[in-house]
Structure formats: structure tokens, C-alpha cells
Protein backbone atom coordinates (compact mmCIF):
# COMPACT_ATOMS: atom_id res chain seq x y z
CA MET A 1 150.29 141.93 129.17
CA MET A 2 150.76 144.02 132.71
CA GLU A 3 153.93 141.69 133.27
CA VAL A 4 155.42 142.52 129.75
CA VAL A 5 155.14 146.45 130.47
CA LEU A 6 156.21 146.38 134.17
CA LEU A 7 159.17 144.58 132.48
CA HIS A 8 159.85 147.22 130.01
CA GLY A 9 159.06 149.82 132.57
CA LEU A 10 162.04 148.10 134.60
CA LEU A 11 164.30 148.02 132.06
CA LEU A 12 164.27 151.57 130.63
CA LEU A 13 164.57 152.54 134.90
CA LEU A 14 167.46 150.71 134.87
CA PRO A 15 169.95 153.00 132.83
CA LEU A 16 168.90 155.89 134.60
CA ALA A 17 169.22 153.67 138.07
CA ALA A 18 172.93 153.28 136.87
CA LEU A 19 173.04 157.25 135.70
CA LEU A 20 172.24 158.29 139.32
CA LEU A 21 174.60 155.34 141.05
CA TYR A 22 177.54 156.92 138.60
CA ARG A 23 176.53 160.29 139.90
CA TYR A 24 175.95 160.10 143.37
CA ASN A 25 177.44 156.87 144.44
CA ALA A 26 181.27 156.68 144.98
CA THR A 27 182.07 153.05 144.93
CA PHE A 28 179.95 152.39 141.68
CA HIS A 29 181.81 155.29 140.26
CA TYR A 30 184.82 153.94 140.87
CA TYR A 31 183.72 150.44 139.59
CA CYS A 32 182.69 151.38 136.36
CA LYS A 33 186.07 153.62 135.67
CA VAL A 34 188.19 150.90 136.63
CA VAL A 35 186.09 148.59 134.33
CA VAL A 36 186.07 151.03 131.34
CA PHE A 37 189.71 151.38 132.00
CA ASN A 38 190.15 147.62 131.67
CA CYS A 39 188.32 147.28 128.57
CA TRP A 40 189.48 150.03 126.85
CA VAL A 41 193.15 148.05 127.20
CA VAL A 42 191.65 144.78 126.12
CA ALA A 43 189.95 146.67 123.07
CA MET A 44 192.75 148.09 122.00
CA ALA A 45 195.23 145.33 122.33
CA THR A 46 192.87 143.34 120.18
CA ILE A 47 192.35 145.74 117.55
CA LEU A 48 195.92 146.49 116.88
CA SER A 49 197.47 143.05 117.50
CA PRO A 50 196.75 142.01 114.12
CA PHE A 51 198.57 145.25 112.79
CA ALA A 52 201.50 145.01 114.85
CA ALA A 53 201.77 141.43 113.85
CA LEU A 54 202.78 142.55 110.26
CA ARG A 55 206.02 144.23 111.67
CA GLY A 56 206.34 141.01 114.04
CA ARG A 57 208.18 141.48 117.46
CA SER A 58 209.66 144.73 117.61
CA VAL A 59 210.16 147.71 119.86
CA GLU A 60 208.88 149.89 117.06
CA ASN A 61 205.23 148.27 117.81
CA MET A 62 205.05 150.00 121.48
CA LYS A 63 204.17 153.57 119.62
CA LEU A 64 201.28 151.90 118.81
CA LEU A 65 200.22 150.24 122.17
CA CYS A 66 201.42 154.35 123.75
CA ALA A 67 198.92 155.45 121.47
CA ALA A 68 196.30 153.53 122.16
CA ILE A 69 196.57 154.43 126.36
CA LEU A 70 197.02 158.22 125.41
CA PRO A 71 193.17 159.16 125.14
CA LEU A 72 192.52 157.50 128.74
CA LYS A 73 194.11 160.87 130.33
CA TRP A 74 191.20 162.99 128.47
CA PHE A 75 188.79 160.64 129.24
CA TYR A 76 189.11 160.45 132.67
CA GLY A 77 190.08 163.94 133.35
CA ILE A 78 193.32 163.73 134.58
CA LYS A 79 196.17 166.26 133.89
CA ILE A 80 199.84 165.02 133.58
CA GLN A 81 202.67 167.14 134.18
CA VAL A 82 206.15 166.19 133.65
CA TRP A 83 209.47 167.57 135.04
CA GLY A 84 212.98 167.18 133.90
CA SER A 85 211.96 165.59 130.34
CA GLU A 86 215.32 166.83 128.97
CA HIS A 87 216.90 164.23 130.65
CA LEU A 88 216.05 161.47 128.64
CA ASN A 89 217.49 163.63 125.57
CA ILE A 90 220.65 161.04 125.25
CA LYS A 91 220.88 158.78 122.48
CA GLU A 92 222.59 155.87 124.25
CA PRO A 93 221.01 153.07 126.51
CA TYR A 94 219.80 153.54 129.97
CA VAL A 95 217.49 151.75 132.33
CA ILE A 96 214.38 153.70 133.58
CA VAL A 97 213.17 152.92 137.40
CA CYS A 98 210.07 154.02 138.14
CA ASN A 99 207.70 153.57 141.69
CA HIS A 100 204.64 151.74 141.27
CA GLN A 101 200.98 152.87 142.46
CA ALA A 102 198.42 151.21 140.01
CA SER A 103 197.02 150.54 137.09
CA LEU A 104 196.93 154.13 136.22
CA ASP A 105 200.58 154.25 135.52
CA LEU A 106 200.22 153.22 132.12
CA MET A 107 199.51 156.67 131.60
CA GLY A 108 202.20 158.31 133.22
CA MET A 109 204.65 155.89 131.28
CA VAL A 110 203.43 156.67 128.10
CA GLU A 111 203.30 160.18 128.27
CA VAL A 112 207.17 160.18 128.87
CA ILE A 113 208.60 156.55 127.62
CA PRO A 114 211.46 157.54 124.92
CA ASP A 115 211.97 156.08 121.99
CA ARG A 116 213.01 152.32 121.82
CA CYS A 117 211.95 151.32 125.20
CA VAL A 118 210.25 148.82 126.84
CA PRO A 119 209.05 147.58 130.38
CA ILE A 120 210.06 144.76 132.17
CA ALA A 121 207.12 142.68 132.99
CA LYS A 122 206.04 139.65 134.98
CA LYS A 123 205.62 136.66 132.97
CA GLU A 124 201.81 136.43 133.78
CA LEU A 125 200.89 139.29 131.81
CA MET A 126 202.18 136.86 128.42
CA TYR A 127 199.29 135.01 129.33
CA MET A 128 196.51 137.41 129.16
CA GLY A 129 194.74 136.53 125.67
CA THR A 130 195.47 140.02 123.23
CA VAL A 131 197.09 141.55 126.14
CA GLY A 132 199.78 139.71 126.42
CA TRP A 133 200.25 138.80 122.44
CA ALA A 134 200.18 142.91 122.19
CA CYS A 135 202.89 143.14 124.85
CA TRP A 136 204.80 140.13 123.38
CA LEU A 137 204.85 141.71 119.90
CA SER A 138 205.77 145.05 121.40
CA GLY A 139 208.79 143.72 122.64
CA ILE A 140 207.78 143.94 126.36
CA ILE A 141 210.55 141.40 128.01
CA PHE A 142 208.64 139.06 130.21
CA ILE A 143 210.31 137.62 133.43
CA ASP A 144 209.41 134.79 135.69
CA ARG A 145 209.57 136.38 139.59
CA HIS A 146 209.80 132.76 141.28
CA LYS A 147 212.51 131.44 139.29
CA ARG A 148 215.78 132.95 140.39
CA GLU A 149 217.66 131.45 137.91
CA ASP A 150 215.59 132.00 134.98
CA ALA A 151 215.28 135.82 135.87
CA ILE A 152 218.98 136.55 136.18
CA ASP A 153 219.16 134.66 132.36
CA VAL A 154 216.73 137.24 131.35
CA ILE A 155 218.82 140.32 133.02
CA ALA A 156 222.08 138.98 131.32
CA GLN A 157 220.41 138.56 127.48
CA THR A 158 219.14 141.79 128.32
CA ALA A 159 221.84 143.79 129.07
CA LYS A 160 223.43 142.04 125.96
CA THR A 161 220.25 143.24 123.74
CA MET A 162 220.56 147.15 125.14
CA ARG A 163 224.03 147.32 124.04
CA ARG A 164 223.52 145.73 120.41
CA GLU A 165 219.92 147.02 119.44
CA ASN A 166 220.25 150.57 121.19
CA LEU A 167 217.45 149.76 123.86
CA ARG A 168 216.11 151.12 126.89
CA VAL A 169 214.55 149.47 129.74
CA TRP A 170 211.65 150.55 131.87
CA ILE A 171 211.40 148.54 135.45
CA PHE A 172 209.15 148.99 138.52
CA PRO A 173 211.75 148.01 140.79
CA GLU A 174 209.24 147.57 143.47
CA GLY A 175 207.86 144.62 142.48
CA THR A 176 204.54 145.04 142.98
CA ARG A 177 201.84 148.09 143.42
CA ASN A 178 201.73 150.45 146.41
CA GLN A 179 199.75 153.50 146.93
CA GLU A 180 201.52 153.68 150.45
CA LYS A 181 203.29 157.34 151.93
CA SER A 182 206.90 155.02 151.11
CA MET A 183 208.44 152.86 148.89
CA LEU A 184 208.73 149.40 149.15
CA PRO A 185 212.55 147.85 148.91
CA PHE A 186 214.03 147.86 146.10
CA LYS A 187 214.53 144.29 143.84
CA ARG A 188 217.92 144.67 142.27
CA GLY A 189 216.99 143.34 138.87
CA ALA A 190 217.23 146.82 137.68
CA PHE A 191 220.61 147.64 139.06
CA HIS A 192 222.19 144.35 137.91
CA LEU A 193 220.83 144.67 134.50
CA ALA A 194 222.49 148.66 134.25
CA VAL A 195 225.81 147.60 135.94
CA GLN A 196 225.94 144.48 133.32
CA ALA A 197 224.70 146.30 130.75
CA GLN A 198 227.32 149.46 132.16
CA VAL A 199 224.20 151.87 130.98
CA PRO A 200 223.11 154.83 133.43
CA ILE A 201 219.92 154.50 135.52
CA PHE A 202 217.37 157.18 135.10
CA PRO A 203 214.59 157.42 138.08
CA ILE A 204 210.94 158.47 137.34
CA VAL A 205 208.91 158.99 140.44
CA ILE A 206 205.07 159.34 139.45
CA SER A 207 203.22 161.54 142.40
CA PRO A 208 200.86 160.12 144.43
CA TYR A 209 197.17 159.65 143.37
CA TRP A 210 196.08 160.28 146.67
CA ASP A 211 194.05 163.23 145.69
CA PHE A 212 191.77 161.49 143.02
CA PHE A 213 192.23 157.96 143.24
CA SER A 214 192.47 155.21 145.85
CA SER A 215 191.88 151.42 145.50
CA LYS A 216 191.21 151.50 149.15
CA ASP A 217 188.94 154.07 149.69
CA LYS A 218 187.24 153.16 145.79
CA LYS A 219 187.73 156.69 144.87
CA PHE A 220 188.45 157.35 141.37
CA THR A 221 188.08 161.10 140.20
CA SER A 222 189.95 164.22 137.94
CA GLY A 223 192.44 164.96 139.32
CA THR A 224 196.36 166.26 138.67
CA CYS A 225 199.55 163.82 137.92
CA THR A 226 203.13 165.19 138.54
CA ILE A 227 205.89 163.11 136.74
CA ARG A 228 209.32 163.51 137.71
CA ILE A 229 212.41 162.81 136.08
CA LEU A 230 215.57 162.78 137.75
CA PRO A 231 219.35 162.78 136.86
CA LYS A 232 220.98 160.61 135.44
CA VAL A 233 222.84 157.79 137.74
CA GLU A 234 225.85 156.53 136.06
CA THR A 235 226.80 152.74 136.62
CA CYS A 236 229.90 153.04 134.69
CA GLY A 237 233.21 151.24 136.31
CA LEU A 238 230.62 149.48 138.63
CA SER A 239 230.42 145.88 139.31
CA PRO A 240 228.25 143.39 141.10
CA LYS A 241 229.36 143.99 144.21
CA ASP A 242 228.31 147.45 143.97
CA VAL A 243 224.70 146.76 143.26
CA PRO A 244 223.43 146.94 146.72
CA ARG A 245 224.71 150.40 147.44
CA LEU A 246 223.52 151.51 144.39
CA THR A 247 220.07 150.18 144.58
CA GLU A 248 220.03 152.18 148.02
CA THR A 249 221.35 155.17 146.50
CA VAL A 250 218.64 155.15 143.86
CA ARG A 251 215.94 153.92 146.34
CA GLN A 252 216.51 157.02 148.88
CA VAL A 253 216.85 159.69 145.94
CA MET A 254 213.53 158.63 144.84
CA ALA A 255 211.93 158.64 148.05
CA ASP A 256 212.85 162.04 148.73
CA ALA A 257 211.73 163.41 145.05
CA LEU A 258 208.20 161.17 146.18
CA ALA A 259 208.29 162.94 149.69
CA GLU A 260 208.44 165.80 148.38
CA LEU A 261 205.84 165.66 145.81
CA SER A 262 203.74 164.27 148.92
CA ALA A 263 203.89 167.39 150.17
CA ASP A 264 200.99 169.60 151.08
CA ARG A 265 202.27 172.34 149.41
CA CYS A 266 203.71 170.70 146.38
CA VAL A 267 200.59 168.72 146.04
CA ASP A 268 198.45 172.34 146.19
CA GLN A 269 200.54 174.48 144.07
CA GLY A 270 202.55 172.38 141.50
CA ALA A 271 200.40 171.61 139.24
CA GLU A 272 199.72 175.55 138.32
CA GLN A 273 203.46 177.00 139.44
CA PRO A 274 206.90 176.11 138.07
CA PRO A 275 209.84 174.67 139.59
CA PHE A 276 211.23 177.72 141.26
CA LEU A 277 207.47 178.94 142.73
CA ARG A 278 207.14 175.70 143.96
CA CYS A 279 210.69 175.91 145.48
CA ALA A 280 209.99 179.10 147.31
CA GLY A 281 206.60 177.63 148.88
CA ALA A 282 208.76 174.49 150.02
CA ARG A 283 211.21 176.71 152.02
CA ALA A 284 208.59 179.14 153.44
CA GLY A 285 206.99 175.82 154.72
CA ARG A 286 210.07 173.59 155.80
CA GLY A 287 212.69 176.58 156.10
CA GLN A 288 214.93 175.06 152.90
CA GLY A 289 214.68 174.04 149.47
CA SER A 290 215.37 170.89 148.25
CA PRO A 291 218.72 170.81 145.76
CA GLN A 292 216.93 168.53 143.33
CA CYS A 293 214.09 170.90 143.29
CA LYS A 294 216.50 173.66 142.69
CA GLU A 295 218.14 172.06 139.63
CA ASP A 296 214.48 171.21 138.14
CA THR A 297 213.12 172.04 134.27
CA THR A 298 209.55 171.65 133.12
CA ARG A 299 207.41 170.62 130.84
CA ALA A 300 204.06 170.46 131.38
CA SER A 301 201.56 168.30 129.35
CA ASN A 302 197.92 168.40 129.16
């Protein structure tokens, strides 16, 4: 009888211990939030897949996935601000290239992703149960990064599909997650795609998560994220031989924007001030403002 009482007491103390750990232990707090994030994605994919299946494989199913991911920003207390969203207000197909930091990029992506836009993802994702099935039903394009010929074929087929179906494509050109201060070298697939389809490229830069998220330091709190959509880069008239230069040009533009977003003044003041005030602060701190910052227009999303 005493053993039963002790067992019940222990079971009652476990939730309390978990709450205390969540409140006072940063590592436990981090893992709890990461687990909930992944479980949410799996659960939503499982629930929504049957509804998406009624339509079949279609880019229109991306709206279901986006609607499922959007609530996470409120649950985690992450405020997302978007600058330059008007750049995407064109009806033609285009390629979006964006820096890649962590799984949290999903929240930023669904905040700004335009209609009829699908990401290109690694092929391994397709075999992740209901998540892979939901992605396939949403028209996400899978690419085998380990087979160059297959990847080239996917790029060629996607270029034709973009023009034929007025499709937009989202690509993370770094190829893997990167939470360092500088961007990794870019893979050239996105730029070959844009040149083959003769469509413009829109660079998008998501500000660093350092103040509220770090997989290295096991930190996951609430915070503010800024997404900056840069003006389009035209590819009309370019050929495959121009791809290396195009790749480096776009990377440098994005690296400059990331450096600006990473600056202490932009991190501290950018969430509350419009761009012209941020630029004034930047000029005071650095002596001059960024031409891109001068041209920015804003849209805040909470």
C-alpha cells in the first residue's frame, strides 16, 4: 500500500518538476519548444493531407500548409516584420532565394510566400511519412543533391513548368542550415533555373535569430525577426556562362543586407522604427547609410 502511495506521489510531482525545469532550465526549455514545433508540423501534415489529397498534387495545397504553420509565431511569441513586400507584387513567374538558418525559417517563409510558389527541397524530405506526403501533395519540388545529373534534369523540367504554369519557386541557395555571421557559398542551381526560365530573381534575407534562438547555445525564447525583400535581379538575356557572376552578385547583395540586419543598431531599433529612422541611426553609427536601406518600404506583420 505504501508503495502505491509513493508511486502516486511521484507521478504527481513529475508535472511540477517538468514545469520548474521548463521555467528555470534553458536547455530543457529549448528542447521542449523544438519538440513541440516538430510535433506540430507532423500533426498538421497528418490532419491536412487527406484534404489536400482530394485536390491531388497541386501548388494550391501550399495554402493549407502555410495556414497550418502561421499560428506557431503567436504560440512562440515571435514577432515578424516584413520590409519591401511590394517587390513581390508582380504576376510573372520568378525565383526567390533566401538565407537558411534553422527550421524556424518555415515561419518566415509562410509569412511572405506569394501565391503559386513552391519550395525546392531535398529529396530525403519526401520519405518523412505524412510530412513528405503533404509536401508532395503541395507541389513541392524534390531534388537529389547527391546526383548531379538528376538535379540538372529537375532544374530543366522546373524551368519549363514555371513558364507554362506561372509558377514561382523558393530556394535556399546555401544548401544547408547556417547560423553563422556570414553566408555560406551559394549553390548555383537557383541561378541556373532563373536563367533557363528567363525569369527574375528576388533575394530575401531573414535577420539572425541570435537574440532569441540558438541551437548551439540551446536557447529558444520570444523575440523579433525581420524579413527583408530586396528588389528583383533581372536575368533576361543572360546565358549559362553568366551564372557564376550572377550567383556572386546576388550573394553579395544578400550578404550586405544580412550584415545590416545583424548590426546592433538595426537589431535594437529596427523592430520599432521605420526604415528611414533605422537608416538615420545607421548613419550616426557608421557615418553613412546603405543605398538599399534608403529605398526600403515597409510592412509590419504581428
